[in-house]
């Protein structure tokens, strides 16, 4: 716990809501929990799932990426590169789960930087704090639809494989853009599909799991409307990867 105290203090100074320390992370929600829709979202709040997330659950997302899927190590490096994280950077990982990417961001930001993972799931955050908190990595329980930070706070903001689970994906993207500094990098990976193709079966399956596949234009259009310049967009299987810079 001693190793996590320093980043939590730094994070608390950035929050615009009151927080309490719970299981090694800061909680700004208390009993105000975002709604759960579908078994997939419910599973993310089960302690067992947080512990098997990497060896089992994430394989679903690798399958969704099709033949272009890569291992976790390469995936994390690609994420760091896409955000151009440098020494001293302040990074936010929205929908961080157990903190696999958050820790990689903290390593890239170095001791003078800080990577903050935000999620609504207490069990995911407890696992994140237990396994991935470091001197430059800490975690917050918060709502992606109302990020508890001031405008123009972060050098980089990521949201990987989580947007499709948010009740208000459009609102979350607006919030991601809001908290990014001018010139800040943004990277988003989400379930997506071509505009001209209808996938009723996929929609049904995703809906049962509480996930929502977005048309390819949605993420780029919403980020652009929120004041971002789209710098890249790539589809891989049923997954889309979008990068942007805040104007």
C-alpha atoms as a PDB file:
ATOM      1  CA  UNK A   1       0.000   0.000   0.000  1.00  0.00           C
ATOM      2  CA  UNK A   2       2.888   2.406   0.696  1.00  0.00           C
ATOM      3  CA  UNK A   3       3.883   2.325  -2.984  1.00  0.00           C
ATOM      4  CA  UNK A   4       0.381   3.457  -4.023  1.00  0.00           C
ATOM      5  CA  UNK A   5       0.017   6.339  -1.553  1.00  0.00           C
ATOM      6  CA  UNK A   6       2.090   8.858  -3.525  1.00  0.00           C
ATOM      7  CA  UNK A   7       0.146   8.527  -6.814  1.00  0.00           C
ATOM      8  CA  UNK A   8      -3.192   8.592  -4.965  1.00  0.00           C
ATOM      9  CA  UNK A   9      -2.238  11.894  -3.351  1.00  0.00           C
ATOM     10  CA  UNK A  10      -1.273  13.328  -6.739  1.00  0.00           C
ATOM     11  CA  UNK A  11      -4.510  12.057  -8.278  1.00  0.00           C
ATOM     12  CA  UNK A  12      -6.642  13.496  -5.451  1.00  0.00           C
ATOM     13  CA  UNK A  13      -5.235  16.939  -6.221  1.00  0.00           C
ATOM     14  CA  UNK A  14      -6.476  16.616  -9.819  1.00  0.00           C
ATOM     15  CA  UNK A  15     -10.001  15.446  -8.974  1.00  0.00           C
ATOM     16  CA  UNK A  16     -12.890  17.911  -9.006  1.00  0.00           C
ATOM     17  CA  UNK A  17     -15.000  15.647  -6.764  1.00  0.00           C
ATOM     18  CA  UNK A  18     -14.503  14.450  -3.199  1.00  0.00           C
ATOM     19  CA  UNK A  19     -12.955  10.990  -2.971  1.00  0.00           C
ATOM     20  CA  UNK A  20     -12.303   8.242  -0.459  1.00  0.00           C
ATOM     21  CA  UNK A  21      -9.646   5.540  -0.533  1.00  0.00           C
ATOM     22  CA  UNK A  22     -11.108   2.057  -1.050  1.00  0.00           C
ATOM     23  CA  UNK A  23      -8.993  -1.071  -1.597  1.00  0.00           C
ATOM     24  CA  UNK A  24      -6.039   0.965  -2.832  1.00  0.00           C
ATOM     25  CA  UNK A  25      -7.919   3.223  -5.270  1.00  0.00           C
ATOM     26  CA  UNK A  26      -9.813   6.537  -5.020  1.00  0.00           C
ATOM     27  CA  UNK A  27     -13.609   6.369  -5.196  1.00  0.00           C
ATOM     28  CA  UNK A  28     -15.640   9.417  -6.278  1.00  0.00           C
ATOM     29  CA  UNK A  29     -18.884   7.488  -6.877  1.00  0.00           C
ATOM     30  CA  UNK A  30     -19.654   5.960  -3.495  1.00  0.00           C
ATOM     31  CA  UNK A  31     -23.119   4.411  -3.778  1.00  0.00           C
ATOM     32  CA  UNK A  32     -23.814   6.236  -7.049  1.00  0.00           C
ATOM     33  CA  UNK A  33     -23.074   3.367  -9.431  1.00  0.00           C
ATOM     34  CA  UNK A  34     -23.550   3.678 -13.221  1.00  0.00           C
ATOM     35  CA  UNK A  35     -26.310   1.346 -14.508  1.00  0.00           C
ATOM     36  CA  UNK A  36     -25.477  -2.194 -15.637  1.00  0.00           C
ATOM     37  CA  UNK A  37     -26.848  -3.427 -18.961  1.00  0.00           C
ATOM     38  CA  UNK A  38     -26.310  -7.034 -20.012  1.00  0.00           C
ATOM     39  CA  UNK A  39     -24.309  -9.933 -18.644  1.00  0.00           C
ATOM     40  CA  UNK A  40     -21.031  -8.611 -20.034  1.00  0.00           C
ATOM     41  CA  UNK A  41     -21.227  -5.422 -17.990  1.00  0.00           C
ATOM     42  CA  UNK A  42     -22.378  -7.357 -14.939  1.00  0.00           C
ATOM     43  CA  UNK A  43     -19.451  -9.761 -15.319  1.00  0.00           C
ATOM     44  CA  UNK A  44     -16.972  -6.877 -15.234  1.00  0.00           C
ATOM     45  CA  UNK A  45     -18.038  -6.225 -11.644  1.00  0.00           C
ATOM     46  CA  UNK A  46     -17.524  -9.803 -10.462  1.00  0.00           C
ATOM     47  CA  UNK A  47     -14.228 -10.327  -8.559  1.00  0.00           C
ATOM     48  CA  UNK A  48     -13.476 -13.630 -10.315  1.00  0.00           C
ATOM     49  CA  UNK A  49     -13.693 -12.008 -13.765  1.00  0.00           C
ATOM     50  CA  UNK A  50     -11.192  -9.330 -12.779  1.00  0.00           C
ATOM     51  CA  UNK A  51      -8.698 -12.078 -11.943  1.00  0.00           C
ATOM     52  CA  UNK A  52      -9.176 -14.080 -15.144  1.00  0.00           C
ATOM     53  CA  UNK A  53      -9.531 -11.035 -17.412  1.00  0.00           C
ATOM     54  CA  UNK A  54      -6.161 -11.381 -19.132  1.00  0.00           C
ATOM     55  CA  UNK A  55      -5.918 -15.175 -19.659  1.00  0.00           C
ATOM     56  CA  UNK A  56      -9.571 -15.716 -20.633  1.00  0.00           C
ATOM     57  CA  UNK A  57     -11.813 -12.673 -21.075  1.00  0.00           C
ATOM     58  CA  UNK A  58      -9.476 -10.655 -23.304  1.00  0.00           C
ATOM     59  CA  UNK A  59      -9.331 -13.564 -25.753  1.00  0.00           C
ATOM     60  CA  UNK A  60     -12.807 -12.500 -26.868  1.00  0.00           C
ATOM     61  CA  UNK A  61     -11.418  -9.158 -28.017  1.00  0.00           C
ATOM     62  CA  UNK A  62      -8.505 -10.851 -29.772  1.00  0.00           C
ATOM     63  CA  UNK A  63     -11.003 -12.972 -31.700  1.00  0.00           C
ATOM     64  CA  UNK A  64     -12.966  -9.829 -32.566  1.00  0.00           C
ATOM     65  CA  UNK A  65      -9.796  -8.335 -34.093  1.00  0.00           C
ATOM     66  CA  UNK A  66      -9.509 -11.249 -36.510  1.00  0.00           C
ATOM     67  CA  UNK A  67      -6.249 -12.097 -38.273  1.00  0.00           C
ATOM     68  CA  UNK A  68      -4.633  -8.785 -37.294  1.00  0.00           C
ATOM     69  CA  UNK A  69      -4.716  -9.558 -33.570  1.00  0.00           C
ATOM     70  CA  UNK A  70      -1.389  -9.288 -31.751  1.00  0.00           C
ATOM     71  CA  UNK A  71      -0.154 -10.355 -28.331  1.00  0.00           C
ATOM     72  CA  UNK A  72      -0.670  -8.169 -25.273  1.00  0.00           C
ATOM     73  CA  UNK A  73       2.939  -6.967 -25.174  1.00  0.00           C
ATOM     74  CA  UNK A  74       2.804  -5.655 -28.750  1.00  0.00           C
ATOM     75  CA  UNK A  75      -0.676  -4.287 -28.150  1.00  0.00           C
ATOM     76  CA  UNK A  76       0.510  -2.270 -25.153  1.00  0.00           C
ATOM     77  CA  UNK A  77       3.529  -0.942 -27.045  1.00  0.00           C
ATOM     78  CA  UNK A  78       1.305   0.070 -29.932  1.00  0.00           C
ATOM     79  CA  UNK A  79      -0.949   1.885 -27.480  1.00  0.00           C
ATOM     80  CA  UNK A  80       1.978   3.756 -25.921  1.00  0.00           C
ATOM     81  CA  UNK A  81       3.296   4.706 -29.362  1.00  0.00           C
ATOM     82  CA  UNK A  82      -0.112   5.895 -30.575  1.00  0.00           C
ATOM     83  CA  UNK A  83      -0.345   8.268 -27.621  1.00  0.00           C
ATOM     84  CA  UNK A  84       3.268   9.480 -27.970  1.00  0.00           C
ATOM     85  CA  UNK A  85       3.715   9.200 -24.201  1.00  0.00           C
ATOM     86  CA  UNK A  86       6.953  10.767 -23.016  1.00  0.00           C
ATOM     87  CA  UNK A  87       8.678  11.328 -19.675  1.00  0.00           C
ATOM     88  CA  UNK A  88       6.552  13.461 -17.367  1.00  0.00           C
ATOM     89  CA  UNK A  89       3.282  12.952 -19.267  1.00  0.00           C
ATOM     90  CA  UNK A  90      -0.095  12.949 -17.537  1.00  0.00           C
ATOM     91  CA  UNK A  91      -2.192  10.110 -18.983  1.00  0.00           C
ATOM     92  CA  UNK A  92      -5.789   8.985 -18.428  1.00  0.00           C
ATOM     93  CA  UNK A  93      -6.948   5.432 -19.217  1.00  0.00           C
ATOM     94  CA  UNK A  94     -10.771   5.429 -19.384  1.00  0.00           C
ATOM     95  CA  UNK A  95     -12.409   2.057 -18.748  1.00  0.00           C
ATOM     96  CA  UNK A  96      -9.085   0.692 -17.517  1.00  0.00           C
ATOM     97  CA  UNK A  97     -10.330  -2.654 -16.157  1.00  0.00           C
ATOM     98  CA  UNK A  98      -7.512  -4.349 -14.202  1.00  0.00           C
ATOM     99  CA  UNK A  99      -4.990  -1.741 -15.355  1.00  0.00           C
ATOM    100  CA  UNK A 100      -2.997  -3.686 -17.945  1.00  0.00           C
ATOM    101  CA  UNK A 101      -2.590  -0.672 -20.229  1.00  0.00           C
ATOM    102  CA  UNK A 102      -2.494   1.863 -17.407  1.00  0.00           C
ATOM    103  CA  UNK A 103       0.690   0.349 -16.058  1.00  0.00           C
ATOM    104  CA  UNK A 104       2.322   0.475 -19.502  1.00  0.00           C
ATOM    105  CA  UNK A 105       1.377   4.150 -19.753  1.00  0.00           C
ATOM    106  CA  UNK A 106       2.899   4.818 -16.336  1.00  0.00           C
ATOM    107  CA  UNK A 107       6.132   3.103 -17.319  1.00  0.00           C
ATOM    108  CA  UNK A 108       6.361   5.292 -20.432  1.00  0.00           C
ATOM    109  CA  UNK A 109       5.591   8.455 -18.431  1.00  0.00           C
ATOM    110  CA  UNK A 110       8.311   7.660 -15.896  1.00  0.00           C
ATOM    111  CA  UNK A 111       8.603   8.715 -12.270  1.00  0.00           C
ATOM    112  CA  UNK A 112       7.868  12.351 -13.059  1.00  0.00           C
ATOM    113  CA  UNK A 113       4.718  11.418 -14.985  1.00  0.00           C
ATOM    114  CA  UNK A 114       1.437   9.881 -13.890  1.00  0.00           C
ATOM    115  CA  UNK A 115      -0.996   7.407 -15.449  1.00  0.00           C
ATOM    116  CA  UNK A 116      -4.511   7.289 -14.009  1.00  0.00           C
ATOM    117  CA  UNK A 117      -6.845   4.386 -14.678  1.00  0.00           C
ATOM    118  CA  UNK A 118     -10.577   5.085 -14.340  1.00  0.00           C
ATOM    119  CA  UNK A 119     -13.306   2.458 -14.173  1.00  0.00           C
ATOM    120  CA  UNK A 120     -16.720   1.968 -12.562  1.00  0.00           C
ATOM    121  CA  UNK A 121     -16.100  -1.599 -11.385  1.00  0.00           C
ATOM    122  CA  UNK A 122     -14.909  -1.937  -7.765  1.00  0.00           C
ATOM    123  CA  UNK A 123     -13.627  -5.476  -8.366  1.00  0.00           C
ATOM    124  CA  UNK A 124     -11.628  -4.466 -11.455  1.00  0.00           C
ATOM    125  CA  UNK A 125     -10.111  -1.530  -9.602  1.00  0.00           C
ATOM    126  CA  UNK A 126      -9.243  -3.603  -6.544  1.00  0.00           C
ATOM    127  CA  UNK A 127      -7.393  -6.006  -8.843  1.00  0.00           C
ATOM    128  CA  UNK A 128      -5.761  -3.092 -10.676  1.00  0.00           C
ATOM    129  CA  UNK A 129      -4.546  -1.540  -7.428  1.00  0.00           C
ATOM    130  CA  UNK A 130      -3.301  -4.928  -6.207  1.00  0.00           C
ATOM    131  CA  UNK A 131      -1.381  -5.885  -9.345  1.00  0.00           C
ATOM    132  CA  UNK A 132      -0.620  -2.769 -11.396  1.00  0.00           C
ATOM    133  CA  UNK A 133      -0.339   0.266  -9.098  1.00  0.00           C
ATOM    134  CA  UNK A 134       3.171   1.748  -8.983  1.00  0.00           C
ATOM    135  CA  UNK A 135       4.803   5.022  -8.044  1.00  0.00           C
ATOM    136  CA  UNK A 136       3.499   6.530 -11.281  1.00  0.00           C
ATOM    137  CA  UNK A 137       0.223   4.591 -11.648  1.00  0.00           C
ATOM    138  CA  UNK A 138      -2.978   4.946  -9.633  1.00  0.00           C
ATOM    139  CA  UNK A 139      -6.675   4.251 -10.051  1.00  0.00           C
ATOM    140  CA  UNK A 140     -10.014   6.015  -9.647  1.00  0.00           C
ATOM    141  CA  UNK A 141     -13.566   4.709  -9.509  1.00  0.00           C
ATOM    142  CA  UNK A 142     -15.563   7.131 -11.594  1.00  0.00           C
ATOM    143  CA  UNK A 143     -18.101   7.539 -14.385  1.00  0.00           C
ATOM    144  CA  UNK A 144     -16.807   7.770 -17.960  1.00  0.00           C
ATOM    145  CA  UNK A 145     -19.848   9.894 -18.778  1.00  0.00           C
ATOM    146  CA  UNK A 146     -18.771  12.496 -16.262  1.00  0.00           C
ATOM    147  CA  UNK A 147     -14.988  12.376 -15.849  1.00  0.00           C
ATOM    148  CA  UNK A 148     -13.977  13.926 -12.495  1.00  0.00           C
ATOM    149  CA  UNK A 149     -11.261  16.157 -13.937  1.00  0.00           C
ATOM    150  CA  UNK A 150     -11.038  19.730 -15.182  1.00  0.00           C
ATOM    151  CA  UNK A 151     -10.927  20.676 -18.848  1.00  0.00           C
ATOM    152  CA  UNK A 152      -7.555  20.386 -20.614  1.00  0.00           C
ATOM    153  CA  UNK A 153      -5.887  18.270 -17.914  1.00  0.00           C
ATOM    154  CA  UNK A 154      -4.223  15.357 -19.747  1.00  0.00           C
ATOM    155  CA  UNK A 155      -1.415  15.019 -22.278  1.00  0.00           C
ATOM    156  CA  UNK A 156      -2.946  11.747 -23.489  1.00  0.00           C
ATOM    157  CA  UNK A 157      -6.280   9.958 -23.044  1.00  0.00           C
ATOM    158  CA  UNK A 158      -6.971   6.332 -23.977  1.00  0.00           C
ATOM    159  CA  UNK A 159     -10.080   4.184 -24.048  1.00  0.00           C
ATOM    160  CA  UNK A 160      -9.368   0.623 -25.153  1.00  0.00           C
ATOM    161  CA  UNK A 161     -12.032  -2.085 -25.507  1.00  0.00           C
ATOM    162  CA  UNK A 162     -14.423  -0.316 -23.142  1.00  0.00           C
ATOM    163  CA  UNK A 163     -16.418   2.276 -25.092  1.00  0.00           C
ATOM    164  CA  UNK A 164     -18.928  -0.303 -26.341  1.00  0.00           C
ATOM    165  CA  UNK A 165     -19.867  -1.084 -22.716  1.00  0.00           C
ATOM    166  CA  UNK A 166     -20.619   2.518 -21.709  1.00  0.00           C
ATOM    167  CA  UNK A 167     -24.332   3.441 -21.384  1.00  0.00           C
ATOM    168  CA  UNK A 168     -23.567   6.757 -23.116  1.00  0.00           C
ATOM    169  CA  UNK A 169     -20.679   6.199 -25.529  1.00  0.00           C
ATOM    170  CA  UNK A 170     -21.290   9.551 -27.203  1.00  0.00           C
ATOM    171  CA  UNK A 171     -21.102  11.388 -23.888  1.00  0.00           C
ATOM    172  CA  UNK A 172     -17.948   9.503 -22.915  1.00  0.00           C
ATOM    173  CA  UNK A 173     -16.185  10.546 -26.132  1.00  0.00           C
ATOM    174  CA  UNK A 174     -17.117  14.180 -25.494  1.00  0.00           C
ATOM    175  CA  UNK A 175     -15.672  13.860 -21.986  1.00  0.00           C
ATOM    176  CA  UNK A 176     -12.477  12.261 -23.290  1.00  0.00           C
ATOM    177  CA  UNK A 177     -11.996  15.206 -25.641  1.00  0.00           C
ATOM    178  CA  UNK A 178     -12.868  17.711 -22.907  1.00  0.00           C
ATOM    179  CA  UNK A 179     -10.155  16.593 -20.480  1.00  0.00           C
ATOM    180  CA  UNK A 180      -7.414  16.388 -23.146  1.00  0.00           C
ATOM    181  CA  UNK A 181      -5.046  19.345 -23.427  1.00  0.00           C
ATOM    182  CA  UNK A 182      -4.716  21.181 -26.746  1.00  0.00           C
ATOM    183  CA  UNK A 183      -2.227  19.054 -28.671  1.00  0.00           C
ATOM    184  CA  UNK A 184      -3.023  16.075 -26.443  1.00  0.00           C
ATOM    185  CA  UNK A 185      -3.243  12.632 -28.040  1.00  0.00           C
ATOM    186  CA  UNK A 186      -6.379  10.484 -27.932  1.00  0.00           C
ATOM    187  CA  UNK A 187      -6.674   6.792 -28.831  1.00  0.00           C
ATOM    188  CA  UNK A 188      -9.877   4.737 -28.841  1.00  0.00           C
ATOM    189  CA  UNK A 189     -10.464   1.069 -29.641  1.00  0.00           C
ATOM    190  CA  UNK A 190     -14.046  -0.202 -29.820  1.00  0.00           C
ATOM    191  CA  UNK A 191     -16.321  -2.781 -31.407  1.00  0.00           C
ATOM    192  CA  UNK A 192     -17.425  -1.371 -34.766  1.00  0.00           C
ATOM    193  CA  UNK A 193     -18.953  -2.288 -38.122  1.00  0.00           C
ATOM    194  CA  UNK A 194     -19.170  -0.832 -41.667  1.00  0.00           C
ATOM    195  CA  UNK A 195     -21.992   1.667 -42.240  1.00  0.00           C
ATOM    196  CA  UNK A 196     -23.383  -0.278 -45.210  1.00  0.00           C
ATOM    197  CA  UNK A 197     -23.534  -3.622 -43.413  1.00  0.00           C
ATOM    198  CA  UNK A 198     -26.208  -4.625 -40.926  1.00  0.00           C
ATOM    199  CA  UNK A 199     -25.329  -7.294 -38.356  1.00  0.00           C
ATOM    200  CA  UNK A 200     -28.623  -8.169 -36.608  1.00  0.00           C
ATOM    201  CA  UNK A 201     -27.175 -11.370 -35.124  1.00  0.00           C
ATOM    202  CA  UNK A 202     -24.099  -9.565 -33.819  1.00  0.00           C
ATOM    203  CA  UNK A 203     -26.295  -6.792 -32.426  1.00  0.00           C
ATOM    204  CA  UNK A 204     -28.347  -9.391 -30.584  1.00  0.00           C
ATOM    205  CA  UNK A 205     -25.271 -11.123 -29.158  1.00  0.00           C
ATOM    206  CA  UNK A 206     -23.603  -7.836 -28.230  1.00  0.00           C
ATOM    207  CA  UNK A 207     -26.864  -6.629 -26.682  1.00  0.00           C
ATOM    208  CA  UNK A 208     -27.121  -9.677 -24.432  1.00  0.00           C
ATOM    209  CA  UNK A 209     -23.586  -8.968 -23.274  1.00  0.00           C
ATOM    210  CA  UNK A 210     -24.380  -5.300 -22.749  1.00  0.00           C
ATOM    211  CA  UNK A 211     -22.062  -4.202 -25.567  1.00  0.00           C
ATOM    212  CA  UNK A 212     -22.859  -1.940 -28.497  1.00  0.00           C
ATOM    213  CA  UNK A 213     -21.124  -2.068 -31.866  1.00  0.00           C
ATOM    214  CA  UNK A 214     -20.737   1.386 -33.423  1.00  0.00           C
ATOM    215  CA  UNK A 215     -20.737   2.228 -37.130  1.00  0.00           C
ATOM    216  CA  UNK A 216     -17.248   3.069 -38.380  1.00  0.00           C
ATOM    217  CA  UNK A 217     -18.009   6.787 -38.732  1.00  0.00           C
ATOM    218  CA  UNK A 218     -19.303   7.300 -35.177  1.00  0.00           C
ATOM    219  CA  UNK A 219     -16.097   7.570 -33.132  1.00  0.00           C
ATOM    220  CA  UNK A 220     -14.230   9.772 -35.665  1.00  0.00           C
ATOM    221  CA  UNK A 221     -17.273  12.010 -36.180  1.00  0.00           C
ATOM    222  CA  UNK A 222     -17.890  12.501 -32.461  1.00  0.00           C
ATOM    223  CA  UNK A 223     -14.250  13.237 -31.702  1.00  0.00           C
ATOM    224  CA  UNK A 224     -14.108  15.709 -34.586  1.00  0.00           C
ATOM    225  CA  UNK A 225     -17.270  17.399 -33.315  1.00  0.00           C
ATOM    226  CA  UNK A 226     -15.630  17.673 -29.882  1.00  0.00           C
ATOM    227  CA  UNK A 227     -12.699  19.631 -31.290  1.00  0.00           C
ATOM    228  CA  UNK A 228     -10.248  16.915 -32.312  1.00  0.00           C
ATOM    229  CA  UNK A 229      -8.306  16.303 -35.499  1.00  0.00           C
ATOM    230  CA  UNK A 230      -8.518  12.660 -36.565  1.00  0.00           C
ATOM    231  CA  UNK A 231      -5.011  11.367 -37.264  1.00  0.00           C
ATOM    232  CA  UNK A 232      -5.750   7.710 -37.914  1.00  0.00           C
ATOM    233  CA  UNK A 233      -8.534   5.156 -38.233  1.00  0.00           C
ATOM    234  CA  UNK A 234      -8.095   1.460 -38.855  1.00  0.00           C
ATOM    235  CA  UNK A 235     -10.459  -1.491 -38.711  1.00  0.00           C
ATOM    236  CA  UNK A 236      -9.444  -5.012 -37.778  1.00  0.00           C
ATOM    237  CA  UNK A 237     -12.189  -7.617 -37.792  1.00  0.00           C
ATOM    238  CA  UNK A 238     -15.038  -6.262 -35.675  1.00  0.00           C
ATOM    239  CA  UNK A 239     -12.768  -3.708 -33.983  1.00  0.00           C
ATOM    240  CA  UNK A 240     -11.900  -0.135 -34.920  1.00  0.00           C
ATOM    241  CA  UNK A 241      -8.843   1.836 -33.743  1.00  0.00           C
ATOM    242  CA  UNK A 242      -9.037   5.643 -33.931  1.00  0.00           C
ATOM    243  CA  UNK A 243      -6.375   8.198 -33.019  1.00  0.00           C
ATOM    244  CA  UNK A 244      -6.805  11.950 -32.731  1.00  0.00           C
ATOM    245  CA  UNK A 245      -5.186  15.154 -31.497  1.00  0.00           C
ATOM    246  CA  UNK A 246      -7.102  17.750 -29.492  1.00  0.00           C
ATOM    247  CA  UNK A 247      -7.073  21.122 -31.219  1.00  0.00           C
END
